[in-house]
Amino acid sequence: MKTFDKKFTLLWLITILIVFLVAIAFGITMRMEQAEMVDVGPLNFYILMTSHGLLMAGVWFVAGMAGIQYILSRYFEVPRWGSVVAYACTLAGVVVLLISTFLTKFHAGWYFLYPLPFYAKGADSGPVLFLIAIAILGAGWLLWSLVLLVTILRKYTVTQALAWHHITGRPGPAVSPFILISFVSLIGVTACLLAAVVLVILYFIELARSGTMSNDPLLMKNLTFFFGHTLVNEMLYLGLAVLYELFPKMAGKPAYKTSWYVAISWNATLLIVLFAYFHHLYMDFAQPVAFQFIGQVMSWFAPLPAACVTIFSVLTTVYRSNMKWSLASLLYFFGVMFWAVGGVGAILDAVIANNLVLHNTQWVPAHFHTYNLLGNVFFSLAFASWFADEYGSEKMAPSMVKVIFSLLVIGGTGFVIAFYLGGALSVPRRVDMYSETVDEGISLAKMAVVFASLYLVGMIMYTVDFTKRCAGQLFS
């Protein structure tokens, strides 16, 4: 492994951990406002919501990309300039994003649904700066994903990278699950980022022709959720690709192979995940009815191919293994478990009859915090832990493993339970304070603050330990 690949991956990981701590602090402040422990006011609450959501989605997307690029470079030469450009764009985009929110007071929410940016804009420059931030981030990430796609296609044809010959039994090169899942995920990433390009262009056109032209709201909402929903799903799959590569080795077992059912499951995932976003538009009566049913069916099937194969593979890997339970292996194992729990919560919400009751409640942040905060984040932290164990100055002390793992699991579990209870009690989401009619939300927010603080302490300890063990490699 070339020194550059190690050092630049390390730079990505340290940056990601620092930004993550900032984003957690934003989230805890929001819950403290809802708990009436602080008084930041509604404007600042929605500024924090906008910043928190986009930082979280962005930071764990690039974490997944950094992970697969590093593992991919163990297979063949990967052009480095794509990652360098993406890193520069990520830093620039985050800076412009924070300027747009905290200085110009843009507060349309991380989802920035049309036409909210024109009403929750703060200063007139707010929407422009915000869209510039999205454009910078999207351009860098799209370029990065294309570089990695082309890298894979230099060795495999499209059908080979999708492992179709493993399904049909025809001769062809052996394609590891890591290559298959990475390729499938990068196709989805490219598709949703292209949708983001169209979305941002339409926003800019309307801004330039203010008062004389407006976009179709339903088109804008479809583009927004095709982009956003697909991206947050694909970034989870990026983390899973690395899990497929590293987890069996942690258990002292042979590397996973791409069997016919693994190939079928991930090819199915490629198609299903692109249409599952329709479940976000159940309330839009103008949406063609057929799309609503497609959204429900695809949402039901979305977790089945990938999740069932992954869960079965992880359980059989652990069974009768010589697993040495490091922080990395613990985070991978429990990350899969929490991913499954969050997936069940998502399926329940995706049922149209349930969605009418649940979708505007805290059930929604409950399920996506479960499979992101306790699933996707765990996958990327597991990769970072493995990386530190491989290339750091020393291994993490067993006592430190127990403390950090306990804080992350207990803190994260208590935090999402507060959301699930809020959803069951019809506590609304996206509000900065609760009236007496939903005063349960205040108590649950206090509970969330306590457990989120435990999670934050665990992450601070993790970040300090990781930096202590690895930072010297940047300058060696």
Protein backbone atom coordinates (compact mmCIF):
# COMPACT_ATOMS: atom_id res chain seq x y z
CA MET A 1 0.00 0.00 0.00
CA LYS A 2 1.46 3.34 -1.05
CA THR A 3 2.17 5.91 1.65
CA PHE A 4 -0.05 8.49 -0.05
CA ASP A 5 -3.10 6.23 0.19
CA LYS A 6 -2.56 5.69 3.90
CA LYS A 7 -1.90 9.34 4.68
CA PHE A 8 -4.77 10.72 2.64
CA THR A 9 -7.21 8.17 4.06
CA LEU A 10 -6.02 9.18 7.52
CA LEU A 11 -6.60 12.85 6.67
CA TRP A 12 -10.14 12.00 5.56
CA LEU A 13 -10.84 10.07 8.75
CA ILE A 14 -9.54 12.75 11.13
CA THR A 15 -11.53 15.43 9.28
CA ILE A 16 -14.65 13.28 9.38
CA LEU A 17 -14.39 12.67 13.12
CA ILE A 18 -13.94 16.38 13.88
CA VAL A 19 -16.91 17.44 11.73
CA PHE A 20 -18.99 14.65 13.29
CA LEU A 21 -18.37 16.02 16.78
CA VAL A 22 -19.54 19.46 15.64
CA ALA A 23 -22.67 17.99 14.04
CA ILE A 24 -23.47 16.03 17.24
CA ALA A 25 -23.18 19.25 19.25
CA PHE A 26 -25.68 20.88 16.87
CA GLY A 27 -28.08 17.96 17.34
CA ILE A 28 -27.84 17.98 21.13
CA THR A 29 -28.49 21.73 21.17
CA MET A 30 -31.66 21.17 19.15
CA ARG A 31 -32.89 18.53 21.60
CA MET A 32 -32.01 20.84 24.51
CA GLU A 33 -34.21 23.51 22.94
CA GLN A 34 -37.06 21.01 22.67
CA ALA A 35 -36.43 19.99 26.29
CA GLU A 36 -36.65 23.66 27.37
CA MET A 37 -33.14 23.41 28.81
CA VAL A 38 -31.88 26.28 26.62
CA ASP A 39 -33.57 29.03 24.64
CA VAL A 40 -31.96 29.43 21.24
CA GLY A 41 -35.19 30.54 19.57
CA PRO A 42 -36.97 29.15 16.51
CA LEU A 43 -34.69 30.83 13.94
CA ASN A 44 -31.50 29.41 15.42
CA PHE A 45 -33.19 26.03 15.90
CA TYR A 46 -33.88 25.72 12.19
CA ILE A 47 -30.41 27.04 11.34
CA LEU A 48 -29.02 24.21 13.46
CA MET A 49 -31.40 21.71 11.85
CA THR A 50 -30.25 22.72 8.37
CA SER A 51 -26.57 22.52 9.28
CA HIS A 52 -26.85 19.36 11.38
CA GLY A 53 -28.67 17.28 8.79
CA LEU A 54 -26.47 18.18 5.84
CA LEU A 55 -23.24 17.81 7.82
CA MET A 56 -24.31 14.37 9.04
CA ALA A 57 -25.34 13.13 5.59
CA GLY A 58 -22.23 14.57 3.96
CA VAL A 59 -19.67 13.44 6.50
CA TRP A 60 -20.75 9.80 6.48
CA PHE A 61 -21.08 9.72 2.71
CA VAL A 62 -17.44 10.76 2.31
CA ALA A 63 -16.50 8.29 5.08
CA GLY A 64 -17.96 5.47 3.00
CA MET A 65 -16.24 6.74 -0.13
CA ALA A 66 -12.88 7.04 1.62
CA GLY A 67 -13.27 3.47 2.91
CA ILE A 68 -14.04 1.88 -0.45
CA GLN A 69 -11.31 3.87 -2.20
CA TYR A 70 -8.75 2.62 0.31
CA ILE A 71 -9.84 -1.02 -0.03
CA LEU A 72 -10.15 -0.63 -3.83
CA SER A 73 -6.53 0.52 -3.97
CA ARG A 74 -5.57 -2.88 -2.56
CA TYR A 75 -7.00 -4.47 -5.72
CA PHE A 76 -5.54 -2.15 -8.36
CA GLU A 77 -4.21 1.36 -8.95
CA VAL A 78 -6.77 4.05 -8.12
CA PRO A 79 -6.26 7.61 -9.45
CA ARG A 80 -5.67 9.83 -6.43
CA TRP A 81 -6.74 13.14 -7.92
CA GLY A 82 -10.42 12.28 -7.59
CA SER A 83 -10.11 11.98 -3.81
CA VAL A 84 -7.99 15.14 -3.60
CA VAL A 85 -10.54 17.17 -5.55
CA ALA A 86 -13.39 15.71 -3.48
CA TYR A 87 -11.58 16.62 -0.24
CA ALA A 88 -11.05 20.20 -1.39
CA CYS A 89 -14.68 20.48 -2.52
CA THR A 90 -15.90 18.98 0.76
CA LEU A 91 -13.99 21.51 2.85
CA ALA A 92 -15.06 24.41 0.64
CA GLY A 93 -18.67 23.23 0.53
CA VAL A 94 -18.88 22.86 4.31
CA VAL A 95 -17.46 26.36 4.83
CA VAL A 96 -19.94 27.93 2.38
CA LEU A 97 -22.78 25.90 3.93
CA LEU A 98 -22.01 27.19 7.42
CA ILE A 99 -21.72 30.75 6.11
CA SER A 100 -25.12 30.42 4.44
CA THR A 101 -26.76 29.16 7.63
CA PHE A 102 -25.03 30.95 10.50
CA LEU A 103 -24.19 34.25 8.79
CA THR A 104 -26.99 34.77 6.26
CA LYS A 105 -29.52 32.87 8.43
CA PHE A 106 -30.68 30.41 5.75
CA HIS A 107 -32.91 27.92 7.59
CA ALA A 108 -34.97 25.89 5.12
CA GLY A 109 -34.01 22.58 6.75
CA TRP A 110 -31.51 19.97 5.57
CA TYR A 111 -34.17 18.67 3.14
CA PHE A 112 -34.60 22.20 1.56
CA LEU A 113 -37.90 21.22 -0.02
CA TYR A 114 -39.19 23.52 -2.74
CA PRO A 115 -40.24 26.33 -2.28
CA LEU A 116 -38.93 26.61 1.33
CA PRO A 117 -35.56 28.12 0.30
CA PHE A 118 -37.39 31.18 -1.03
CA TYR A 119 -39.23 31.76 2.26
CA ALA A 120 -36.75 30.58 4.94
CA LYS A 121 -33.86 32.36 3.29
CA GLY A 122 -32.72 34.85 5.95
CA ALA A 123 -30.72 37.37 3.92
CA ASP A 124 -31.29 37.51 0.16
CA SER A 125 -27.89 35.90 -0.37
CA GLY A 126 -28.86 32.92 1.81
CA PRO A 127 -30.38 30.66 -0.89
CA VAL A 128 -27.62 31.53 -3.36
CA LEU A 129 -24.83 30.64 -0.93
CA PHE A 130 -26.63 27.50 0.18
CA LEU A 131 -27.10 26.30 -3.40
CA ILE A 132 -23.47 27.14 -4.18
CA ALA A 133 -22.47 24.94 -1.22
CA ILE A 134 -24.63 22.07 -2.52
CA ALA A 135 -23.20 22.57 -6.03
CA ILE A 136 -19.59 22.46 -4.77
CA LEU A 137 -20.20 19.35 -2.69
CA GLY A 138 -22.16 17.62 -5.45
CA ALA A 139 -19.60 18.38 -8.13
CA GLY A 140 -16.70 17.06 -6.05
CA TRP A 141 -18.55 13.93 -5.01
CA LEU A 142 -19.87 13.21 -8.51
CA LEU A 143 -16.37 13.47 -9.92
CA TRP A 144 -15.04 11.16 -7.19
CA SER A 145 -17.72 8.53 -7.81
CA LEU A 146 -17.07 8.63 -11.57
CA VAL A 147 -13.32 8.18 -11.00
CA LEU A 148 -13.97 5.09 -8.87
CA LEU A 149 -16.50 3.71 -11.37
CA VAL A 150 -14.04 4.11 -14.24
CA THR A 151 -11.32 2.48 -12.13
CA ILE A 152 -13.46 -0.63 -11.69
CA LEU A 153 -14.46 -0.64 -15.38
CA ARG A 154 -10.81 -0.67 -16.43
CA LYS A 155 -10.59 -4.22 -15.10
CA TYR A 156 -14.17 -5.46 -15.52
CA THR A 157 -16.97 -4.97 -18.02
CA VAL A 158 -20.28 -3.69 -16.67
CA THR A 159 -21.82 -7.16 -16.64
CA GLN A 160 -18.73 -8.60 -14.96
CA ALA A 161 -18.70 -5.90 -12.28
CA LEU A 162 -22.37 -6.68 -11.65
CA ALA A 163 -21.39 -10.37 -11.36
CA TRP A 164 -23.96 -11.55 -13.88
CA HIS A 165 -21.72 -14.47 -14.84
CA HIS A 166 -21.93 -15.64 -11.23
CA ILE A 167 -25.71 -15.82 -11.69
CA THR A 168 -25.74 -17.52 -15.11
CA GLY A 169 -22.79 -19.80 -14.47
CA ARG A 170 -20.90 -18.55 -17.51
CA PRO A 171 -17.11 -18.27 -17.33
CA GLY A 172 -15.64 -14.99 -16.19
CA PRO A 173 -13.31 -13.43 -13.66
CA ALA A 174 -14.00 -13.90 -9.98
CA VAL A 175 -15.68 -10.74 -8.67
CA SER A 176 -15.50 -10.25 -4.93
CA PRO A 177 -18.58 -9.06 -3.01
CA PHE A 178 -16.63 -5.89 -2.24
CA ILE A 179 -16.28 -5.05 -5.94
CA LEU A 180 -19.92 -5.95 -6.65
CA ILE A 181 -21.37 -3.89 -3.79
CA SER A 182 -19.05 -0.95 -4.47
CA PHE A 183 -20.01 -0.92 -8.16
CA VAL A 184 -23.74 -1.18 -7.42
CA SER A 185 -23.50 1.61 -4.83
CA LEU A 186 -21.45 3.90 -7.06
CA ILE A 187 -24.03 3.56 -9.85
CA GLY A 188 -26.72 4.70 -7.41
CA VAL A 189 -24.51 7.51 -6.10
CA THR A 190 -23.87 8.76 -9.62
CA ALA A 191 -27.57 8.67 -10.50
CA CYS A 192 -28.69 10.60 -7.43
CA LEU A 193 -25.91 13.20 -7.76
CA LEU A 194 -26.90 13.80 -11.38
CA ALA A 195 -30.44 14.42 -10.12
CA ALA A 196 -28.96 16.90 -7.64
CA VAL A 197 -27.27 18.73 -10.53
CA VAL A 198 -30.63 19.11 -12.30
CA LEU A 199 -32.28 20.22 -9.04
CA VAL A 200 -29.68 22.90 -8.31
CA ILE A 201 -29.79 24.19 -11.90
CA LEU A 202 -33.59 24.57 -11.69
CA TYR A 203 -33.23 26.45 -8.41
CA PHE A 204 -30.65 28.81 -9.92
CA ILE A 205 -32.84 29.44 -13.00
CA GLU A 206 -35.77 30.42 -10.78
CA LEU A 207 -33.55 32.67 -8.67
CA ALA A 208 -32.22 34.36 -11.81
CA ARG A 209 -35.76 34.89 -13.17
CA SER A 210 -37.33 35.87 -9.87
CA GLY A 211 -40.98 36.78 -10.25
CA THR A 212 -41.24 35.65 -13.86
CA MET A 213 -40.80 31.89 -13.58
CA SER A 214 -41.45 29.14 -11.05
CA ASN A 215 -40.64 25.44 -11.09
CA ASP A 216 -43.12 22.61 -10.82
CA PRO A 217 -43.30 21.73 -7.10
CA LEU A 218 -43.93 18.03 -7.69
CA LEU A 219 -40.96 17.72 -10.03
CA MET A 220 -38.73 19.52 -7.53
CA LYS A 221 -39.89 17.27 -4.69
CA ASN A 222 -39.25 14.12 -6.74
CA LEU A 223 -35.76 15.32 -7.61
CA THR A 224 -35.06 16.26 -3.99
CA PHE A 225 -36.01 12.90 -2.57
CA PHE A 226 -34.52 10.86 -5.40
CA PHE A 227 -31.27 12.66 -4.61
CA GLY A 228 -31.45 12.71 -0.81
CA HIS A 229 -33.10 9.38 -0.05
CA THR A 230 -30.94 7.48 -2.52
CA LEU A 231 -27.72 9.08 -1.28
CA VAL A 232 -28.29 8.19 2.39
CA ASN A 233 -29.07 4.60 1.42
CA GLU A 234 -26.09 4.24 -0.89
CA MET A 235 -23.66 5.64 1.69
CA LEU A 236 -24.75 2.84 4.02
CA TYR A 237 -24.05 0.29 1.30
CA LEU A 238 -20.56 1.76 0.84
CA GLY A 239 -19.88 0.91 4.47
CA LEU A 240 -21.27 -2.58 3.95
CA ALA A 241 -18.93 -3.15 0.99
CA VAL A 242 -15.96 -2.65 3.31
CA LEU A 243 -17.59 -4.90 5.93
CA TYR A 244 -17.78 -7.71 3.36
CA GLU A 245 -14.05 -7.29 2.76
CA LEU A 246 -12.80 -7.02 6.36
CA PHE A 247 -15.21 -8.87 8.66
CA PRO A 248 -14.43 -12.51 7.69
CA LYS A 249 -10.71 -11.85 8.17
CA MET A 250 -11.43 -10.55 11.68
CA ALA A 251 -13.06 -13.90 12.45
CA GLY A 252 -10.20 -15.89 10.99
CA LYS A 253 -12.40 -17.26 8.21
CA PRO A 254 -11.98 -17.32 4.41
CA ALA A 255 -12.94 -14.25 2.43
CA TYR A 256 -16.54 -14.03 1.25
CA LYS A 257 -17.21 -15.18 -2.29
CA THR A 258 -19.86 -13.96 -4.71
CA SER A 259 -22.37 -16.77 -5.01
CA TRP A 260 -25.38 -16.59 -7.29
CA TYR A 261 -27.71 -15.45 -4.52
CA VAL A 262 -25.33 -12.70 -3.38
CA ALA A 263 -25.14 -11.42 -6.96
CA ILE A 264 -28.92 -11.54 -7.37
CA SER A 265 -29.53 -9.75 -4.07
CA TRP A 266 -27.25 -6.82 -4.84
CA ASN A 267 -28.46 -6.49 -8.43
CA ALA A 268 -31.98 -6.34 -7.05
CA THR A 269 -30.87 -3.72 -4.53
CA LEU A 270 -29.50 -1.60 -7.37
CA LEU A 271 -32.98 -1.28 -8.89
CA ILE A 272 -35.08 -1.28 -5.74
CA VAL A 273 -33.26 1.54 -3.97
CA LEU A 274 -33.79 3.89 -6.92
CA PHE A 275 -37.58 3.69 -6.57
CA ALA A 276 -38.09 3.39 -2.82
CA TYR A 277 -38.02 7.19 -2.40
CA PHE A 278 -41.63 7.38 -3.62
CA HIS A 279 -42.73 6.64 -0.04
CA HIS A 280 -41.80 10.24 0.80
CA LEU A 281 -44.55 11.48 -1.51
CA TYR A 282 -47.54 9.58 -0.16
CA MET A 283 -49.10 12.88 0.97
CA ASP A 284 -48.81 14.42 -2.49
CA PHE A 285 -52.21 13.75 -4.04
CA ALA A 286 -51.02 14.99 -7.46
CA GLN A 287 -48.44 12.20 -7.65
CA PRO A 288 -49.64 9.38 -9.97
CA VAL A 289 -51.28 6.69 -7.85
CA ALA A 290 -49.18 3.97 -9.46
CA PHE A 291 -46.03 5.66 -8.10
CA GLN A 292 -47.45 5.47 -4.59
CA PHE A 293 -47.88 1.73 -4.82
CA ILE A 294 -44.45 1.34 -6.41
CA GLY A 295 -43.02 3.27 -3.45
CA GLN A 296 -44.74 1.00 -0.95
CA VAL A 297 -43.72 -2.25 -2.65
CA MET A 298 -40.14 -1.14 -3.25
CA SER A 299 -39.86 0.05 0.36
CA TRP A 300 -40.97 -3.37 1.56
CA PHE A 301 -38.42 -5.15 -0.62
CA ALA A 302 -35.55 -2.65 -0.26
CA PRO A 303 -33.98 -4.17 2.85
CA LEU A 304 -34.67 -7.80 2.02
CA PRO A 305 -32.04 -8.76 -0.58
CA ALA A 306 -29.05 -6.97 0.89
CA ALA A 307 -30.06 -7.15 4.54
CA CYS A 308 -30.99 -10.82 4.63
CA VAL A 309 -27.83 -11.91 2.83
CA THR A 310 -25.66 -9.64 4.98
CA ILE A 311 -27.24 -10.68 8.28
CA PHE A 312 -26.97 -14.36 7.38
CA SER A 313 -23.33 -13.91 6.30
CA VAL A 314 -22.37 -12.06 9.48
CA LEU A 315 -24.06 -14.57 11.78
CA THR A 316 -22.47 -17.57 10.04
CA THR A 317 -19.10 -15.82 10.15
CA VAL A 318 -19.29 -15.35 13.90
CA TYR A 319 -20.65 -18.84 14.58
CA ARG A 320 -17.85 -21.15 15.76
CA SER A 321 -15.20 -18.64 14.77
CA ASN A 322 -11.99 -17.54 16.40
CA MET A 323 -13.22 -13.97 16.47
CA LYS A 324 -11.06 -11.64 18.52
CA TRP A 325 -13.52 -8.99 19.59
CA SER A 326 -11.81 -5.70 18.88
CA LEU A 327 -13.69 -2.41 18.68
CA ALA A 328 -13.80 -2.79 14.89
CA SER A 329 -15.44 -6.24 14.95
CA LEU A 330 -17.88 -5.20 17.71
CA LEU A 331 -18.96 -2.13 15.74
CA TYR A 332 -19.45 -4.17 12.57
CA PHE A 333 -21.51 -6.86 14.33
CA PHE A 334 -23.74 -4.49 16.29
CA GLY A 335 -23.93 -2.09 13.35
CA VAL A 336 -25.61 -4.81 11.29
CA MET A 337 -28.03 -5.49 14.14
CA PHE A 338 -29.03 -1.84 14.51
CA TRP A 339 -29.26 -1.47 10.73
CA ALA A 340 -31.83 -4.27 10.77
CA VAL A 341 -33.78 -2.63 13.62
CA GLY A 342 -33.84 0.71 11.79
CA GLY A 343 -34.89 -1.06 8.61
CA VAL A 344 -37.91 -2.59 10.34
CA GLY A 345 -38.87 0.86 11.62
CA ALA A 346 -38.59 2.20 8.07
CA ILE A 347 -40.73 -0.59 6.62
CA LEU A 348 -43.45 0.07 9.18
CA ASP A 349 -43.50 3.73 8.23
CA ALA A 350 -43.50 2.91 4.51
CA VAL A 351 -46.88 1.14 4.78
CA ILE A 352 -49.32 3.74 3.42
CA ALA A 353 -51.87 3.21 6.20
CA ASN A 354 -49.17 3.63 8.87
CA ASN A 355 -47.53 6.51 7.05
CA LEU A 356 -50.66 8.63 7.39
CA VAL A 357 -50.18 8.46 11.16
CA LEU A 358 -46.41 8.20 11.58
CA HIS A 359 -44.71 10.23 8.87
CA ASN A 360 -44.88 13.67 10.46
CA THR A 361 -43.96 12.33 13.89
CA GLN A 362 -40.65 11.52 15.53
CA TRP A 363 -40.93 7.95 14.23
CA VAL A 364 -39.12 9.10 11.09
CA PRO A 365 -36.00 10.50 12.82
CA ALA A 366 -36.18 7.40 15.02
CA HIS A 367 -35.67 4.94 12.19
CA PHE A 368 -33.13 6.94 10.21
CA HIS A 369 -31.07 7.74 13.29
CA THR A 370 -31.09 4.03 14.13
CA TYR A 371 -29.64 2.79 10.86
CA ASN A 372 -27.38 5.80 10.45
CA LEU A 373 -26.15 6.72 13.94
CA LEU A 374 -26.01 3.09 15.10
CA GLY A 375 -25.60 1.38 11.72
CA ASN A 376 -23.81 3.35 9.05
CA VAL A 377 -21.72 5.35 11.52
CA PHE A 378 -20.70 2.12 13.25
CA PHE A 379 -19.56 0.68 9.90
CA SER A 380 -17.32 3.66 9.19
CA LEU A 381 -16.02 3.80 12.76
CA ALA A 382 -15.24 0.09 12.45
CA PHE A 383 -13.19 0.75 9.32
CA ALA A 384 -11.39 3.62 11.08
CA SER A 385 -10.67 1.36 14.06
CA TRP A 386 -9.31 -1.37 11.79
CA PHE A 387 -7.21 1.25 10.00
CA ALA A 388 -5.79 2.53 13.30
CA ASP A 389 -5.02 -1.00 14.48
CA GLU A 390 -3.21 -1.75 11.21
CA TYR A 391 -1.20 1.44 10.85
CA GLY A 392 -1.31 3.25 14.18
CA SER A 393 1.47 3.36 16.71
CA GLU A 394 -0.30 0.94 19.06
CA LYS A 395 -3.50 -1.04 19.58
CA MET A 396 -6.43 0.38 21.50
CA ALA A 397 -6.33 -0.71 25.14
CA PRO A 398 -9.00 -3.36 25.99
CA SER A 399 -10.35 -1.18 28.80
CA MET A 400 -10.76 1.71 26.35
CA VAL A 401 -12.59 -0.59 23.92
CA LYS A 402 -15.13 -1.51 26.60
CA VAL A 403 -15.71 2.09 27.70
CA ILE A 404 -16.08 3.56 24.21
CA PHE A 405 -18.25 0.73 22.92
CA SER A 406 -20.52 0.89 25.97
CA LEU A 407 -20.95 4.67 25.68
CA LEU A 408 -21.76 4.48 21.97
CA VAL A 409 -24.27 1.63 22.30
CA ILE A 410 -25.98 2.80 25.49
CA GLY A 411 -25.99 6.46 24.45
CA GLY A 412 -27.15 5.76 20.92
CA THR A 413 -29.83 3.25 21.94
CA GLY A 414 -31.34 5.55 24.58
CA PHE A 415 -31.26 8.44 22.12
CA VAL A 416 -33.23 6.62 19.39
CA ILE A 417 -35.68 5.07 21.89
CA ALA A 418 -36.69 8.61 22.85
CA PHE A 419 -37.53 9.22 19.19
CA TYR A 420 -39.47 5.95 18.83
CA LEU A 421 -41.52 6.73 21.92
CA GLY A 422 -42.14 10.21 20.54
CA GLY A 423 -43.39 8.72 17.30
CA ALA A 424 -45.69 6.29 19.13
CA LEU A 425 -47.10 9.24 21.13
CA SER A 426 -47.55 11.38 17.98
CA VAL A 427 -44.93 13.93 19.01
CA PRO A 428 -44.32 15.98 15.84
CA ARG A 429 -40.93 16.30 14.20
CA ARG A 430 -39.29 19.45 12.82
CA VAL A 431 -40.63 21.66 15.62
CA ASP A 432 -38.50 23.68 18.03
CA MET A 433 -40.84 23.51 21.03
CA TYR A 434 -43.92 21.67 22.22
CA SER A 435 -47.22 22.95 23.49
CA GLU A 436 -49.00 21.46 26.48
CA THR A 437 -50.87 19.08 24.19
CA VAL A 438 -47.65 17.21 23.44
CA ASP A 439 -45.72 17.87 26.62
CA GLU A 440 -44.49 14.26 26.47
CA GLY A 441 -42.09 15.58 23.86
CA ILE A 442 -40.38 17.74 26.48
CA SER A 443 -39.66 14.79 28.78
CA LEU A 444 -38.50 12.64 25.88
CA ALA A 445 -36.22 15.42 24.66
CA LYS A 446 -34.60 15.57 28.11
CA MET A 447 -34.09 11.82 27.96
CA ALA A 448 -32.54 12.19 24.50
CA VAL A 449 -30.13 14.89 25.71
CA VAL A 450 -28.80 12.63 28.48
CA PHE A 451 -28.20 9.66 26.19
CA ALA A 452 -26.86 11.78 23.30
CA SER A 453 -24.37 13.29 25.73
CA LEU A 454 -23.13 9.80 26.59
CA TYR A 455 -22.71 9.11 22.88
CA LEU A 456 -20.82 12.40 22.48
CA VAL A 457 -18.47 11.51 25.33
CA GLY A 458 -17.80 8.15 23.67
CA MET A 459 -17.07 9.87 20.35
CA ILE A 460 -14.73 12.39 21.97
CA MET A 461 -12.80 9.52 23.57
CA TYR A 462 -12.77 7.66 20.25
CA THR A 463 -11.51 10.71 18.34
CA VAL A 464 -8.78 11.51 20.88
CA ASP A 465 -7.59 7.89 20.92
CA PHE A 466 -7.66 7.61 17.12
CA THR A 467 -5.76 10.87 16.66
CA LYS A 468 -3.23 9.96 19.32
CA ARG A 469 -2.49 6.62 17.69
CA CYS A 470 -2.47 7.75 14.06
CA ALA A 471 -1.75 11.47 13.73
CA GLY A 472 2.00 10.88 13.72
CA GLN A 473 1.60 8.90 10.47
CA LEU A 474 0.64 12.12 8.66
CA PHE A 475 4.10 13.57 9.20
CA SER A 476 6.25 10.45 9.08
